[in-house]
N, C-alpha and C. Protein backbone atom coordinates (compact mmCIF):
# COMPACT_ATOMS: atom_id res chain seq x y z
N MET A 1 180.47 122.29 82.43
CA MET A 1 181.66 122.39 81.61
C MET A 1 182.21 123.82 81.68
N ALA A 2 183.49 123.92 81.92
CA ALA A 2 184.12 125.24 82.05
C ALA A 2 184.39 125.83 80.67
N LEU A 3 184.25 127.14 80.59
CA LEU A 3 184.52 127.83 79.33
C LEU A 3 186.01 128.08 79.18
N SER A 4 186.48 128.07 77.94
CA SER A 4 187.87 128.43 77.71
C SER A 4 188.01 129.95 77.82
N LYS A 5 189.22 130.42 77.86
CA LYS A 5 189.48 131.86 77.96
C LYS A 5 188.85 132.62 76.79
N THR A 6 189.02 132.08 75.59
CA THR A 6 188.49 132.78 74.41
C THR A 6 186.97 132.76 74.38
N ASP A 7 186.35 131.66 74.81
CA ASP A 7 184.89 131.60 74.87
C ASP A 7 184.35 132.61 75.87
N ARG A 8 185.01 132.71 77.02
CA ARG A 8 184.59 133.67 78.04
C ARG A 8 184.69 135.10 77.50
N ARG A 9 185.81 135.40 76.81
CA ARG A 9 185.99 136.74 76.26
C ARG A 9 184.95 137.04 75.19
N GLU A 10 184.62 136.06 74.37
CA GLU A 10 183.59 136.25 73.34
C GLU A 10 182.24 136.57 73.97
N ARG A 11 181.88 135.85 75.04
CA ARG A 11 180.62 136.14 75.74
C ARG A 11 180.60 137.57 76.26
N LEU A 12 181.71 137.98 76.89
CA LEU A 12 181.81 139.35 77.40
C LEU A 12 181.72 140.35 76.26
N ARG A 13 182.39 140.05 75.15
CA ARG A 13 182.40 140.96 74.00
C ARG A 13 180.99 141.16 73.45
N PHE A 14 180.24 140.07 73.34
CA PHE A 14 178.88 140.18 72.83
C PHE A 14 177.98 140.96 73.80
N ARG A 15 178.21 140.76 75.10
CA ARG A 15 177.43 141.49 76.10
C ARG A 15 177.71 143.00 76.02
N ILE A 16 178.98 143.34 75.80
CA ILE A 16 179.36 144.75 75.67
C ILE A 16 178.77 145.34 74.39
N ARG A 17 178.82 144.57 73.28
CA ARG A 17 178.35 145.07 71.99
C ARG A 17 176.85 145.28 71.94
N LYS A 18 176.10 144.67 72.89
CA LYS A 18 174.66 144.92 72.95
C LYS A 18 174.38 146.38 73.28
N THR A 19 175.26 146.99 74.08
CA THR A 19 175.02 148.36 74.52
C THR A 19 175.89 149.38 73.80
N VAL A 20 177.11 149.00 73.40
CA VAL A 20 178.05 149.95 72.79
C VAL A 20 177.94 149.87 71.27
N SER A 21 177.60 151.00 70.66
CA SER A 21 177.51 151.04 69.21
C SER A 21 178.04 152.38 68.73
N GLY A 22 178.67 152.40 67.57
CA GLY A 22 179.26 153.63 67.05
C GLY A 22 178.36 154.27 66.01
N THR A 23 178.19 155.58 66.12
CA THR A 23 177.44 156.33 65.12
C THR A 23 178.41 157.20 64.34
N SER A 24 177.91 157.91 63.34
CA SER A 24 178.82 158.73 62.54
C SER A 24 179.34 159.93 63.33
N ASP A 25 178.56 160.45 64.29
CA ASP A 25 179.06 161.58 65.10
C ASP A 25 179.82 161.10 66.33
N ARG A 26 179.59 159.86 66.78
CA ARG A 26 180.32 159.31 67.93
C ARG A 26 180.66 157.84 67.64
N PRO A 27 181.73 157.60 66.86
CA PRO A 27 182.07 156.22 66.49
C PRO A 27 182.65 155.42 67.66
N ARG A 28 182.83 154.14 67.42
CA ARG A 28 183.29 153.21 68.45
C ARG A 28 184.77 152.93 68.26
N LEU A 29 185.53 152.98 69.36
CA LEU A 29 186.94 152.60 69.33
C LEU A 29 187.02 151.15 69.81
N ALA A 30 187.31 150.23 68.90
CA ALA A 30 187.38 148.81 69.21
C ALA A 30 188.83 148.39 69.39
N VAL A 31 189.07 147.59 70.42
CA VAL A 31 190.42 147.16 70.76
C VAL A 31 190.54 145.65 70.56
N PHE A 32 191.64 145.22 69.95
CA PHE A 32 191.99 143.80 69.89
C PHE A 32 193.39 143.64 70.43
N ARG A 33 193.53 142.71 71.36
CA ARG A 33 194.82 142.49 72.01
C ARG A 33 195.23 141.03 71.80
N SER A 34 196.38 140.83 71.19
CA SER A 34 196.92 139.47 71.11
C SER A 34 198.07 139.37 72.11
N ASN A 35 198.74 138.24 72.13
CA ASN A 35 199.84 138.09 73.09
C ASN A 35 200.99 139.04 72.81
N LYS A 36 201.23 139.33 71.52
CA LYS A 36 202.36 140.19 71.16
C LYS A 36 201.95 141.60 70.77
N GLU A 37 200.86 141.74 70.05
CA GLU A 37 200.49 143.02 69.44
C GLU A 37 199.20 143.56 70.03
N ILE A 38 198.88 144.82 69.67
CA ILE A 38 197.60 145.41 70.02
C ILE A 38 197.13 146.24 68.83
N ASP A 39 195.86 146.11 68.50
CA ASP A 39 195.25 146.82 67.38
C ASP A 39 194.06 147.61 67.89
N ALA A 40 193.79 148.73 67.24
CA ALA A 40 192.60 149.51 67.58
C ALA A 40 192.05 150.11 66.29
N GLN A 41 190.73 150.18 66.19
CA GLN A 41 190.12 150.83 65.04
C GLN A 41 188.93 151.65 65.50
N ILE A 42 188.68 152.71 64.76
CA ILE A 42 187.51 153.55 65.01
C ILE A 42 186.48 153.22 63.94
N ILE A 43 185.30 152.78 64.39
CA ILE A 43 184.30 152.20 63.50
C ILE A 43 182.99 152.97 63.59
N ASP A 44 182.40 153.25 62.43
CA ASP A 44 181.04 153.79 62.33
C ASP A 44 180.13 152.60 62.06
N ASP A 45 179.42 152.13 63.09
CA ASP A 45 178.60 150.93 62.95
C ASP A 45 177.35 151.16 62.12
N VAL A 46 176.84 152.38 62.07
CA VAL A 46 175.63 152.66 61.29
C VAL A 46 175.89 152.42 59.81
N ASN A 47 177.01 152.93 59.31
CA ASN A 47 177.36 152.76 57.90
C ASN A 47 178.23 151.53 57.65
N GLY A 48 178.70 150.88 58.71
CA GLY A 48 179.55 149.71 58.56
C GLY A 48 180.92 150.03 58.00
N LYS A 49 181.49 151.17 58.39
CA LYS A 49 182.79 151.61 57.86
C LYS A 49 183.81 151.76 58.98
N THR A 50 185.03 151.35 58.69
CA THR A 50 186.14 151.65 59.59
C THR A 50 186.71 152.99 59.17
N ILE A 51 186.71 153.94 60.10
CA ILE A 51 187.18 155.30 59.79
C ILE A 51 188.70 155.33 59.77
N THR A 52 189.32 154.80 60.81
CA THR A 52 190.78 154.75 60.87
C THR A 52 191.21 153.63 61.80
N ALA A 53 192.46 153.22 61.69
CA ALA A 53 192.97 152.13 62.53
C ALA A 53 194.45 152.37 62.83
N ALA A 54 194.91 151.77 63.91
CA ALA A 54 196.33 151.82 64.27
C ALA A 54 196.70 150.50 64.92
N SER A 55 197.97 150.16 64.82
CA SER A 55 198.43 148.89 65.35
C SER A 55 199.86 149.04 65.87
N SER A 56 200.25 148.13 66.74
CA SER A 56 201.63 148.14 67.21
C SER A 56 202.58 147.64 66.12
N ARG A 57 202.04 147.14 65.01
CA ARG A 57 202.87 146.72 63.88
C ARG A 57 203.12 147.85 62.88
N ASP A 58 202.51 149.02 63.10
CA ASP A 58 202.69 150.14 62.18
C ASP A 58 204.14 150.62 62.18
N LYS A 59 204.52 151.29 61.08
CA LYS A 59 205.92 151.71 60.91
C LYS A 59 206.37 152.72 61.96
N GLY A 60 205.50 153.64 62.37
CA GLY A 60 205.90 154.68 63.31
C GLY A 60 206.13 154.17 64.72
N ILE A 61 205.65 152.98 65.02
CA ILE A 61 205.75 152.43 66.37
C ILE A 61 206.71 151.26 66.32
N ASP A 62 207.89 151.45 66.90
CA ASP A 62 208.87 150.37 66.94
C ASP A 62 208.74 149.66 68.28
N ALA A 63 207.92 148.64 68.32
CA ALA A 63 207.60 147.96 69.57
C ALA A 63 208.74 147.07 70.08
N SER A 64 209.78 146.88 69.27
CA SER A 64 210.85 145.99 69.70
C SER A 64 211.72 146.62 70.79
N LYS A 65 211.74 147.94 70.86
CA LYS A 65 212.61 148.62 71.82
C LYS A 65 211.90 149.00 73.13
N ILE A 66 210.57 148.84 73.17
CA ILE A 66 209.80 149.22 74.36
C ILE A 66 208.91 148.06 74.79
N ASN A 67 208.37 148.15 76.00
CA ASN A 67 207.50 147.06 76.43
C ASN A 67 206.10 147.22 75.83
N LYS A 68 205.25 146.21 76.02
CA LYS A 68 203.96 146.16 75.34
C LYS A 68 203.00 147.25 75.83
N THR A 69 203.09 147.60 77.11
CA THR A 69 202.21 148.64 77.65
C THR A 69 202.55 150.00 77.05
N GLU A 70 203.83 150.30 76.92
CA GLU A 70 204.25 151.56 76.30
C GLU A 70 203.87 151.58 74.81
N ALA A 71 203.98 150.44 74.15
CA ALA A 71 203.58 150.36 72.74
C ALA A 71 202.08 150.63 72.60
N ALA A 72 201.28 150.11 73.53
CA ALA A 72 199.84 150.34 73.50
C ALA A 72 199.53 151.82 73.65
N ASN A 73 200.28 152.51 74.51
CA ASN A 73 200.09 153.95 74.68
C ASN A 73 200.39 154.69 73.39
N LEU A 74 201.47 154.30 72.70
CA LEU A 74 201.82 154.92 71.43
C LEU A 74 200.76 154.65 70.36
N VAL A 75 200.18 153.45 70.38
CA VAL A 75 199.11 153.12 69.43
C VAL A 75 197.91 154.02 69.68
N GLY A 76 197.57 154.26 70.95
CA GLY A 76 196.46 155.15 71.28
C GLY A 76 196.70 156.57 70.80
N LYS A 77 197.92 157.06 70.97
CA LYS A 77 198.25 158.42 70.51
C LYS A 77 198.20 158.51 68.99
N ALA A 78 198.72 157.48 68.30
CA ALA A 78 198.71 157.46 66.83
C ALA A 78 197.28 157.40 66.31
N LEU A 79 196.44 156.61 66.97
CA LEU A 79 195.04 156.50 66.55
C LEU A 79 194.31 157.83 66.76
N ALA A 80 194.58 158.50 67.87
CA ALA A 80 193.95 159.79 68.14
C ALA A 80 194.35 160.81 67.09
N GLU A 81 195.62 160.81 66.71
CA GLU A 81 196.10 161.74 65.68
C GLU A 81 195.39 161.49 64.35
N LYS A 82 195.28 160.22 63.95
CA LYS A 82 194.58 159.88 62.70
C LYS A 82 193.10 160.24 62.77
N ALA A 83 192.49 160.02 63.94
CA ALA A 83 191.06 160.30 64.09
C ALA A 83 190.78 161.80 64.01
N LEU A 84 191.64 162.60 64.62
CA LEU A 84 191.44 164.05 64.58
C LEU A 84 191.58 164.56 63.14
N LYS A 85 192.49 163.96 62.36
CA LYS A 85 192.61 164.33 60.95
C LYS A 85 191.36 163.96 60.17
N ALA A 86 190.71 162.86 60.58
CA ALA A 86 189.49 162.40 59.91
C ALA A 86 188.25 163.14 60.41
N GLY A 87 188.42 164.03 61.39
CA GLY A 87 187.30 164.82 61.90
C GLY A 87 186.54 164.19 63.04
N VAL A 88 187.12 163.21 63.72
CA VAL A 88 186.48 162.55 64.86
C VAL A 88 187.09 163.09 66.14
N GLU A 89 186.24 163.60 67.04
CA GLU A 89 186.75 164.11 68.31
C GLU A 89 186.26 163.31 69.51
N SER A 90 185.00 162.83 69.47
CA SER A 90 184.48 162.06 70.60
C SER A 90 184.10 160.66 70.12
N ILE A 91 184.37 159.68 70.96
CA ILE A 91 184.15 158.29 70.62
C ILE A 91 183.52 157.56 71.79
N THR A 92 183.06 156.33 71.55
CA THR A 92 182.70 155.40 72.62
C THR A 92 183.76 154.32 72.64
N PHE A 93 184.11 153.85 73.82
CA PHE A 93 185.20 152.89 73.97
C PHE A 93 184.66 151.48 74.09
N ASP A 94 185.15 150.58 73.25
CA ASP A 94 184.77 149.18 73.28
C ASP A 94 186.00 148.37 73.63
N ARG A 95 186.06 147.88 74.86
CA ARG A 95 187.25 147.17 75.32
C ARG A 95 187.33 145.75 74.79
N GLY A 96 186.32 145.30 74.07
CA GLY A 96 186.37 144.02 73.38
C GLY A 96 186.40 142.80 74.27
N GLY A 97 185.85 142.89 75.47
CA GLY A 97 185.84 141.74 76.37
C GLY A 97 187.07 141.63 77.24
N TYR A 98 188.05 142.50 77.02
CA TYR A 98 189.25 142.50 77.86
C TYR A 98 188.99 143.38 79.08
N LEU A 99 189.72 143.11 80.16
CA LEU A 99 189.60 143.95 81.35
C LEU A 99 190.21 145.31 81.05
N TYR A 100 189.61 146.37 81.62
CA TYR A 100 190.17 147.72 81.46
C TYR A 100 191.35 147.83 82.41
N HIS A 101 192.49 147.30 81.95
CA HIS A 101 193.64 147.16 82.82
C HIS A 101 194.84 146.92 81.91
N GLY A 102 196.00 147.36 82.31
CA GLY A 102 197.21 147.06 81.56
C GLY A 102 197.26 147.71 80.20
N ARG A 103 197.39 146.89 79.14
CA ARG A 103 197.56 147.42 77.79
C ARG A 103 196.32 148.11 77.27
N VAL A 104 195.13 147.60 77.61
CA VAL A 104 193.89 148.22 77.16
C VAL A 104 193.74 149.61 77.79
N LYS A 105 194.02 149.70 79.08
CA LYS A 105 193.96 150.98 79.78
C LYS A 105 195.00 151.95 79.23
N SER A 106 196.20 151.45 78.94
CA SER A 106 197.26 152.28 78.40
C SER A 106 196.89 152.84 77.03
N LEU A 107 196.25 152.01 76.19
CA LEU A 107 195.80 152.47 74.88
C LEU A 107 194.75 153.58 75.03
N ALA A 108 193.82 153.39 75.96
CA ALA A 108 192.77 154.39 76.19
C ALA A 108 193.37 155.70 76.68
N GLU A 109 194.34 155.61 77.59
CA GLU A 109 194.97 156.83 78.12
C GLU A 109 195.76 157.54 77.02
N GLY A 110 196.41 156.78 76.14
CA GLY A 110 197.13 157.38 75.02
C GLY A 110 196.18 158.09 74.07
N ALA A 111 195.02 157.50 73.83
CA ALA A 111 194.02 158.14 72.96
C ALA A 111 193.50 159.42 73.61
N ARG A 112 193.31 159.41 74.91
CA ARG A 112 192.87 160.63 75.61
C ARG A 112 193.93 161.71 75.53
N GLU A 113 195.20 161.32 75.74
CA GLU A 113 196.30 162.28 75.64
C GLU A 113 196.39 162.86 74.25
N GLY A 114 196.06 162.04 73.25
CA GLY A 114 196.09 162.49 71.86
C GLY A 114 194.97 163.44 71.48
N GLY A 115 193.95 163.56 72.34
CA GLY A 115 192.89 164.53 72.10
C GLY A 115 191.50 163.97 71.90
N LEU A 116 191.33 162.65 71.99
CA LEU A 116 189.99 162.07 71.85
C LEU A 116 189.22 162.19 73.17
N LYS A 117 187.91 162.39 73.07
CA LYS A 117 187.06 162.50 74.25
C LYS A 117 186.15 161.28 74.34
N PHE A 118 186.20 160.60 75.49
CA PHE A 118 185.29 159.49 75.77
C PHE A 118 185.22 159.21 77.26
């Protein structure tokens, strides 16, 4: 029996989460990508806390005038800005079962441009 797209992504996500974990000094940047939007959060898995989050639905990012890849880049920059204010400089990247390509890659590059190290 063939797996659906979401089942396949869930399997990949669980495989990634076995190795990638966020600590208080090096939290995890988790990405969620839907058909229209993209969300990212920085998570401290040891304490079970979300430090900061950004989304393409946020007020500062008007995704209606730009394409989805450019919006993902802006989300990465906004998340990096919030993270630096919260005192986070280095993170581990959790692509969430998505390929490191397109919007996920653009978000990561935006976060790097914003000053995060990973």
